[in-house]
Amino acid sequence: MKPKKITPTAAELDILNILWEKEPLTVKDIHALICKSKDVGYTTTLKIMQNMTTKGLLKRERSGKSHLYFSNHAREETRERLLNRFVDSAFGGSASSLVMQLLGNKKTSVEELDEIQQIIEQIKTDSSL
């Protein structure tokens, strides 16, 4: 059965980002990594991860006396879902409005603009096939 397409919360995304880099990990491992940047209780981390498992965001396997956790969705799939939701809600579904807002609010380097141009050219090429 395919996992549900659940959009993670900010706290869940913190956990997923850790797992995408280093999975599998225990709750203890994840909690230690989260605590490097945030003050979060162990039981809070545990409860979030239990909820994520119930929602289908994580998979859990027993390993001795503890459990190992794995992400149940690919990073790119999750990013795409989050970005689509954001573009739909904040920009009325307009990707060009999002890009113009980003480029207008942030100092963009020549290198970044070149990279963006290359991506645009690649999309145009792929679309014309």
N, C-alpha and C. Protein backbone atom coordinates (compact mmCIF):
# COMPACT_ATOMS: atom_id res chain seq x y z
N MET A 1 0.84 -1.18 0.00
CA MET A 1 0.00 0.00 0.00
C MET A 1 0.88 1.25 0.00
N LYS A 2 0.57 2.22 -0.89
CA LYS A 2 1.35 3.44 -0.97
C LYS A 2 1.08 4.30 0.26
N PRO A 3 2.13 5.00 0.77
CA PRO A 3 1.92 5.88 1.90
C PRO A 3 1.03 7.07 1.53
N LYS A 4 0.27 7.57 2.51
CA LYS A 4 -0.58 8.72 2.29
C LYS A 4 0.27 9.95 1.99
N LYS A 5 -0.31 10.89 1.25
CA LYS A 5 0.37 12.14 0.92
C LYS A 5 0.05 13.17 2.01
N ILE A 6 0.78 13.11 3.11
CA ILE A 6 0.57 13.99 4.25
C ILE A 6 1.56 15.15 4.16
N THR A 7 1.10 16.36 4.43
CA THR A 7 1.99 17.51 4.48
C THR A 7 2.48 17.68 5.91
N PRO A 8 3.79 17.61 6.14
CA PRO A 8 4.32 17.69 7.50
C PRO A 8 4.25 19.10 8.08
N THR A 9 4.14 19.16 9.40
CA THR A 9 4.23 20.42 10.12
C THR A 9 5.69 20.85 10.17
N ALA A 10 5.96 22.05 10.70
CA ALA A 10 7.34 22.54 10.81
C ALA A 10 8.17 21.62 11.70
N ALA A 11 7.62 21.18 12.83
CA ALA A 11 8.35 20.29 13.74
C ALA A 11 8.61 18.93 13.08
N GLU A 12 7.62 18.44 12.35
CA GLU A 12 7.79 17.17 11.65
C GLU A 12 8.84 17.29 10.54
N LEU A 13 8.86 18.43 9.89
CA LEU A 13 9.84 18.66 8.83
C LEU A 13 11.26 18.70 9.39
N ASP A 14 11.42 19.25 10.59
CA ASP A 14 12.74 19.23 11.26
C ASP A 14 13.23 17.79 11.41
N ILE A 15 12.35 16.92 11.84
CA ILE A 15 12.69 15.51 12.03
C ILE A 15 12.97 14.83 10.70
N LEU A 16 12.14 15.10 9.71
CA LEU A 16 12.35 14.50 8.39
C LEU A 16 13.69 14.94 7.79
N ASN A 17 14.03 16.22 7.94
CA ASN A 17 15.31 16.70 7.40
C ASN A 17 16.49 15.96 8.02
N ILE A 18 16.40 15.66 9.29
CA ILE A 18 17.46 14.89 9.96
C ILE A 18 17.50 13.47 9.40
N LEU A 19 16.34 12.85 9.30
CA LEU A 19 16.30 11.47 8.80
C LEU A 19 16.75 11.36 7.35
N TRP A 20 16.40 12.33 6.52
CA TRP A 20 16.82 12.27 5.12
C TRP A 20 18.34 12.31 4.99
N GLU A 21 19.01 12.91 5.96
CA GLU A 21 20.47 12.99 5.93
C GLU A 21 21.13 11.76 6.54
N LYS A 22 20.50 11.16 7.57
CA LYS A 22 21.20 10.14 8.36
C LYS A 22 20.40 8.91 8.72
N GLU A 23 19.30 8.64 8.05
CA GLU A 23 18.47 7.52 8.50
C GLU A 23 19.16 6.17 8.32
N PRO A 24 18.80 5.20 9.14
CA PRO A 24 17.81 5.23 10.22
C PRO A 24 18.43 5.76 11.52
N LEU A 25 17.57 6.30 12.37
CA LEU A 25 18.01 6.82 13.67
C LEU A 25 16.97 6.48 14.74
N THR A 26 17.42 6.50 15.98
CA THR A 26 16.52 6.32 17.12
C THR A 26 15.97 7.68 17.54
N VAL A 27 14.95 7.66 18.40
CA VAL A 27 14.41 8.91 18.95
C VAL A 27 15.52 9.65 19.68
N LYS A 28 16.34 8.93 20.44
CA LYS A 28 17.43 9.55 21.19
C LYS A 28 18.39 10.29 20.26
N ASP A 29 18.74 9.65 19.14
CA ASP A 29 19.64 10.28 18.16
C ASP A 29 19.03 11.55 17.59
N ILE A 30 17.78 11.45 17.19
CA ILE A 30 17.10 12.59 16.58
C ILE A 30 16.95 13.72 17.59
N HIS A 31 16.57 13.38 18.81
CA HIS A 31 16.42 14.39 19.84
C HIS A 31 17.74 15.13 20.08
N ALA A 32 18.84 14.40 20.14
CA ALA A 32 20.15 15.02 20.36
C ALA A 32 20.48 16.00 19.22
N LEU A 33 20.15 15.63 18.01
CA LEU A 33 20.43 16.51 16.86
C LEU A 33 19.52 17.74 16.85
N ILE A 34 18.27 17.57 17.21
CA ILE A 34 17.34 18.71 17.27
C ILE A 34 17.78 19.69 18.35
N CYS A 35 18.24 19.16 19.48
CA CYS A 35 18.63 20.01 20.61
C CYS A 35 19.85 20.88 20.32
N LYS A 36 20.55 20.61 19.23
CA LYS A 36 21.66 21.47 18.85
C LYS A 36 21.17 22.85 18.41
N SER A 37 19.92 22.92 17.96
CA SER A 37 19.40 24.20 17.48
C SER A 37 18.13 24.67 18.20
N LYS A 38 17.47 23.77 18.94
CA LYS A 38 16.22 24.11 19.63
C LYS A 38 16.18 23.45 20.99
N ASP A 39 15.47 24.07 21.91
CA ASP A 39 15.27 23.48 23.22
C ASP A 39 13.95 22.71 23.21
N VAL A 40 14.04 21.40 23.02
CA VAL A 40 12.86 20.55 22.91
C VAL A 40 13.02 19.38 23.87
N GLY A 41 11.96 19.04 24.58
CA GLY A 41 12.02 17.91 25.50
C GLY A 41 12.02 16.57 24.77
N TYR A 42 12.64 15.58 25.38
CA TYR A 42 12.71 14.25 24.78
C TYR A 42 11.32 13.69 24.53
N THR A 43 10.43 13.84 25.50
CA THR A 43 9.08 13.27 25.33
C THR A 43 8.32 13.98 24.21
N THR A 44 8.61 15.26 23.99
CA THR A 44 7.99 15.98 22.87
C THR A 44 8.45 15.38 21.55
N THR A 45 9.76 15.14 21.43
CA THR A 45 10.30 14.53 20.22
C THR A 45 9.69 13.15 20.01
N LEU A 46 9.63 12.36 21.07
CA LEU A 46 9.05 11.02 21.00
C LEU A 46 7.60 11.08 20.53
N LYS A 47 6.81 11.96 21.13
CA LYS A 47 5.38 12.05 20.79
C LYS A 47 5.19 12.48 19.34
N ILE A 48 5.98 13.46 18.89
CA ILE A 48 5.89 13.90 17.49
C ILE A 48 6.19 12.73 16.56
N MET A 49 7.24 11.97 16.89
CA MET A 49 7.63 10.84 16.03
C MET A 49 6.58 9.73 16.06
N GLN A 50 5.96 9.50 17.21
CA GLN A 50 4.88 8.52 17.27
C GLN A 50 3.71 8.96 16.39
N ASN A 51 3.37 10.24 16.47
CA ASN A 51 2.29 10.77 15.63
C ASN A 51 2.65 10.68 14.15
N MET A 52 3.91 10.96 13.82
CA MET A 52 4.36 10.88 12.43
C MET A 52 4.25 9.45 11.90
N THR A 53 4.54 8.48 12.77
CA THR A 53 4.43 7.08 12.37
C THR A 53 2.96 6.73 12.12
N THR A 54 2.08 7.17 13.00
CA THR A 54 0.65 6.93 12.84
C THR A 54 0.12 7.57 11.55
N LYS A 55 0.60 8.77 11.24
CA LYS A 55 0.17 9.49 10.04
C LYS A 55 0.79 8.94 8.76
N GLY A 56 1.80 8.09 8.89
CA GLY A 56 2.43 7.52 7.71
C GLY A 56 3.64 8.28 7.21
N LEU A 57 4.11 9.27 7.97
CA LEU A 57 5.30 10.02 7.56
C LEU A 57 6.58 9.25 7.85
N LEU A 58 6.55 8.40 8.89
CA LEU A 58 7.72 7.61 9.27
C LEU A 58 7.38 6.13 9.31
N LYS A 59 8.43 5.33 9.16
CA LYS A 59 8.34 3.88 9.39
C LYS A 59 9.24 3.59 10.59
N ARG A 60 8.87 2.55 11.33
CA ARG A 60 9.63 2.21 12.54
C ARG A 60 9.92 0.72 12.53
N GLU A 61 11.16 0.38 12.88
CA GLU A 61 11.56 -1.03 13.01
C GLU A 61 12.23 -1.24 14.36
N ARG A 62 11.93 -2.37 14.97
CA ARG A 62 12.56 -2.71 16.24
C ARG A 62 14.01 -3.09 15.99
N SER A 63 14.89 -2.58 16.87
CA SER A 63 16.31 -2.91 16.82
C SER A 63 16.79 -3.09 18.25
N GLY A 64 16.81 -4.34 18.72
CA GLY A 64 17.15 -4.59 20.11
C GLY A 64 16.08 -4.03 21.02
N LYS A 65 16.48 -3.17 21.96
CA LYS A 65 15.53 -2.58 22.90
C LYS A 65 14.94 -1.26 22.40
N SER A 66 15.42 -0.77 21.29
CA SER A 66 14.91 0.51 20.78
C SER A 66 14.29 0.33 19.40
N HIS A 67 13.85 1.43 18.84
CA HIS A 67 13.27 1.45 17.50
C HIS A 67 14.11 2.34 16.60
N LEU A 68 14.25 1.92 15.36
CA LEU A 68 14.89 2.74 14.34
C LEU A 68 13.80 3.35 13.47
N TYR A 69 13.96 4.62 13.16
CA TYR A 69 12.97 5.33 12.35
C TYR A 69 13.54 5.67 10.98
N PHE A 70 12.66 5.59 9.98
CA PHE A 70 12.99 5.88 8.59
C PHE A 70 11.92 6.83 8.05
N SER A 71 12.29 7.69 7.12
CA SER A 71 11.27 8.51 6.46
C SER A 71 10.48 7.61 5.52
N ASN A 72 9.21 7.92 5.37
CA ASN A 72 8.33 7.12 4.52
C ASN A 72 8.06 7.81 3.18
N HIS A 73 8.63 9.01 3.00
CA HIS A 73 8.45 9.78 1.77
C HIS A 73 9.81 10.35 1.37
N ALA A 74 10.05 10.41 0.08
CA ALA A 74 11.29 11.00 -0.43
C ALA A 74 11.30 12.50 -0.18
N ARG A 75 12.50 13.04 0.02
CA ARG A 75 12.67 14.46 0.28
C ARG A 75 12.07 15.30 -0.86
N GLU A 76 12.39 14.97 -2.10
CA GLU A 76 11.91 15.76 -3.24
C GLU A 76 10.39 15.73 -3.35
N GLU A 77 9.79 14.58 -3.08
CA GLU A 77 8.33 14.45 -3.12
C GLU A 77 7.70 15.37 -2.08
N THR A 78 8.28 15.40 -0.89
CA THR A 78 7.75 16.24 0.19
C THR A 78 7.94 17.71 -0.13
N ARG A 79 9.11 18.07 -0.63
CA ARG A 79 9.36 19.47 -1.02
C ARG A 79 8.36 19.92 -2.09
N GLU A 80 8.14 19.07 -3.07
CA GLU A 80 7.21 19.41 -4.14
C GLU A 80 5.81 19.65 -3.59
N ARG A 81 5.36 18.78 -2.69
CA ARG A 81 4.03 18.91 -2.10
C ARG A 81 3.93 20.20 -1.27
N LEU A 82 4.97 20.50 -0.46
CA LEU A 82 4.98 21.71 0.35
C LEU A 82 4.98 22.97 -0.53
N LEU A 83 5.82 22.95 -1.55
CA LEU A 83 5.92 24.11 -2.43
C LEU A 83 4.63 24.34 -3.20
N ASN A 84 4.03 23.27 -3.72
CA ASN A 84 2.76 23.41 -4.44
C ASN A 84 1.68 23.99 -3.54
N ARG A 85 1.64 23.52 -2.30
CA ARG A 85 0.64 24.03 -1.35
C ARG A 85 0.88 25.52 -1.07
N PHE A 86 2.17 25.88 -0.90
CA PHE A 86 2.52 27.28 -0.63
C PHE A 86 2.18 28.17 -1.83
N VAL A 87 2.56 27.75 -3.02
CA VAL A 87 2.27 28.54 -4.23
C VAL A 87 0.77 28.70 -4.40
N ASP A 88 0.01 27.64 -4.19
CA ASP A 88 -1.44 27.72 -4.32
C ASP A 88 -2.04 28.68 -3.30
N SER A 89 -1.61 28.61 -2.04
CA SER A 89 -2.23 29.42 -1.00
C SER A 89 -1.72 30.86 -0.98
N ALA A 90 -0.44 31.09 -1.22
CA ALA A 90 0.13 32.43 -1.11
C ALA A 90 0.18 33.20 -2.43
N PHE A 91 0.21 32.48 -3.55
CA PHE A 91 0.39 33.13 -4.85
C PHE A 91 -0.69 32.75 -5.86
N GLY A 92 -1.80 32.21 -5.37
CA GLY A 92 -2.90 31.86 -6.25
C GLY A 92 -2.52 30.87 -7.34
N GLY A 93 -1.52 30.04 -7.04
CA GLY A 93 -1.09 29.03 -8.00
C GLY A 93 -0.11 29.53 -9.05
N SER A 94 0.32 30.78 -8.95
CA SER A 94 1.20 31.36 -9.96
C SER A 94 2.68 31.21 -9.59
N ALA A 95 3.37 30.31 -10.29
CA ALA A 95 4.80 30.11 -10.05
C ALA A 95 5.59 31.36 -10.42
N SER A 96 5.17 32.06 -11.47
CA SER A 96 5.90 33.27 -11.87
C SER A 96 5.81 34.36 -10.80
N SER A 97 4.66 34.47 -10.13
CA SER A 97 4.54 35.45 -9.04
C SER A 97 5.49 35.11 -7.90
N LEU A 98 5.62 33.83 -7.60
CA LEU A 98 6.55 33.40 -6.57
C LEU A 98 7.99 33.77 -6.94
N VAL A 99 8.38 33.47 -8.17
CA VAL A 99 9.75 33.75 -8.61
C VAL A 99 10.02 35.25 -8.59
N MET A 100 9.08 36.05 -9.08
CA MET A 100 9.27 37.50 -9.09
C MET A 100 9.38 38.04 -7.66
N GLN A 101 8.59 37.50 -6.75
CA GLN A 101 8.66 37.92 -5.35
C GLN A 101 10.02 37.57 -4.75
N LEU A 102 10.48 36.36 -5.01
CA LEU A 102 11.78 35.93 -4.50
C LEU A 102 12.91 36.79 -5.03
N LEU A 103 12.92 37.02 -6.32
CA LEU A 103 13.99 37.80 -6.93
C LEU A 103 13.92 39.27 -6.52
N GLY A 104 12.73 39.77 -6.24
CA GLY A 104 12.58 41.15 -5.83
C GLY A 104 12.96 41.39 -4.38
N ASN A 105 12.85 40.38 -3.53
CA ASN A 105 13.11 40.53 -2.10
C ASN A 105 14.53 40.21 -1.69
N LYS A 106 15.26 39.52 -2.53
CA LYS A 106 16.57 39.02 -2.12
C LYS A 106 17.60 39.46 -3.14
N LYS A 107 18.77 39.78 -2.65
CA LYS A 107 19.85 40.11 -3.55
C LYS A 107 20.31 38.81 -4.20
N THR A 108 20.13 38.72 -5.49
CA THR A 108 20.46 37.50 -6.22
C THR A 108 21.78 37.71 -6.95
N SER A 109 22.71 36.78 -6.77
CA SER A 109 24.02 36.90 -7.41
C SER A 109 23.92 36.59 -8.90
N VAL A 110 24.92 37.03 -9.64
CA VAL A 110 24.98 36.74 -11.07
C VAL A 110 25.01 35.24 -11.29
N GLU A 111 25.73 34.51 -10.44
CA GLU A 111 25.81 33.06 -10.56
C GLU A 111 24.43 32.42 -10.38
N GLU A 112 23.68 32.91 -9.40
CA GLU A 112 22.34 32.38 -9.18
C GLU A 112 21.42 32.69 -10.37
N LEU A 113 21.54 33.89 -10.89
CA LEU A 113 20.72 34.26 -12.06
C LEU A 113 21.07 33.39 -13.26
N ASP A 114 22.36 33.11 -13.45
CA ASP A 114 22.78 32.22 -14.54
C ASP A 114 22.20 30.82 -14.35
N GLU A 115 22.22 30.35 -13.11
CA GLU A 115 21.67 29.02 -12.82
C GLU A 115 20.16 28.98 -13.09
N ILE A 116 19.47 30.04 -12.67
CA ILE A 116 18.03 30.13 -12.92
C ILE A 116 17.76 30.14 -14.42
N GLN A 117 18.56 30.90 -15.16
CA GLN A 117 18.40 30.96 -16.62
C GLN A 117 18.60 29.59 -17.25
N GLN A 118 19.59 28.85 -16.78
CA GLN A 118 19.83 27.50 -17.31
C GLN A 118 18.64 26.58 -17.03
N ILE A 119 18.08 26.70 -15.84
CA ILE A 119 16.91 25.89 -15.49
C ILE A 119 15.74 26.24 -16.41
N ILE A 120 15.52 27.53 -16.64
CA ILE A 120 14.44 27.97 -17.52
C ILE A 120 14.64 27.42 -18.93
N GLU A 121 15.86 27.50 -19.43
CA GLU A 121 16.15 26.99 -20.77
C GLU A 121 15.92 25.48 -20.85
N GLN A 122 16.31 24.77 -19.79
CA GLN A 122 16.10 23.31 -19.77
C GLN A 122 14.61 22.97 -19.77
N ILE A 123 13.84 23.72 -19.00
CA ILE A 123 12.39 23.49 -18.95
C ILE A 123 11.77 23.77 -20.32
N LYS A 124 12.21 24.84 -20.98
CA LYS A 124 11.70 25.15 -22.32
C LYS A 124 12.04 24.03 -23.29
N THR A 125 13.27 23.52 -23.22
CA THR A 125 13.70 22.43 -24.11
C THR A 125 12.88 21.18 -23.85
N ASP A 126 12.71 20.83 -22.57
CA ASP A 126 11.95 19.63 -22.22
C ASP A 126 10.48 19.76 -22.63
N SER A 127 9.92 20.97 -22.54
CA SER A 127 8.51 21.19 -22.88
C SER A 127 8.25 21.08 -24.37
N SER A 128 9.26 21.37 -25.17
CA SER A 128 9.06 21.36 -26.62
C SER A 128 9.25 19.98 -27.24
N LEU A 129 9.63 18.98 -26.44
CA LEU A 129 9.83 17.62 -26.96
C LEU A 129 8.53 16.90 -27.19
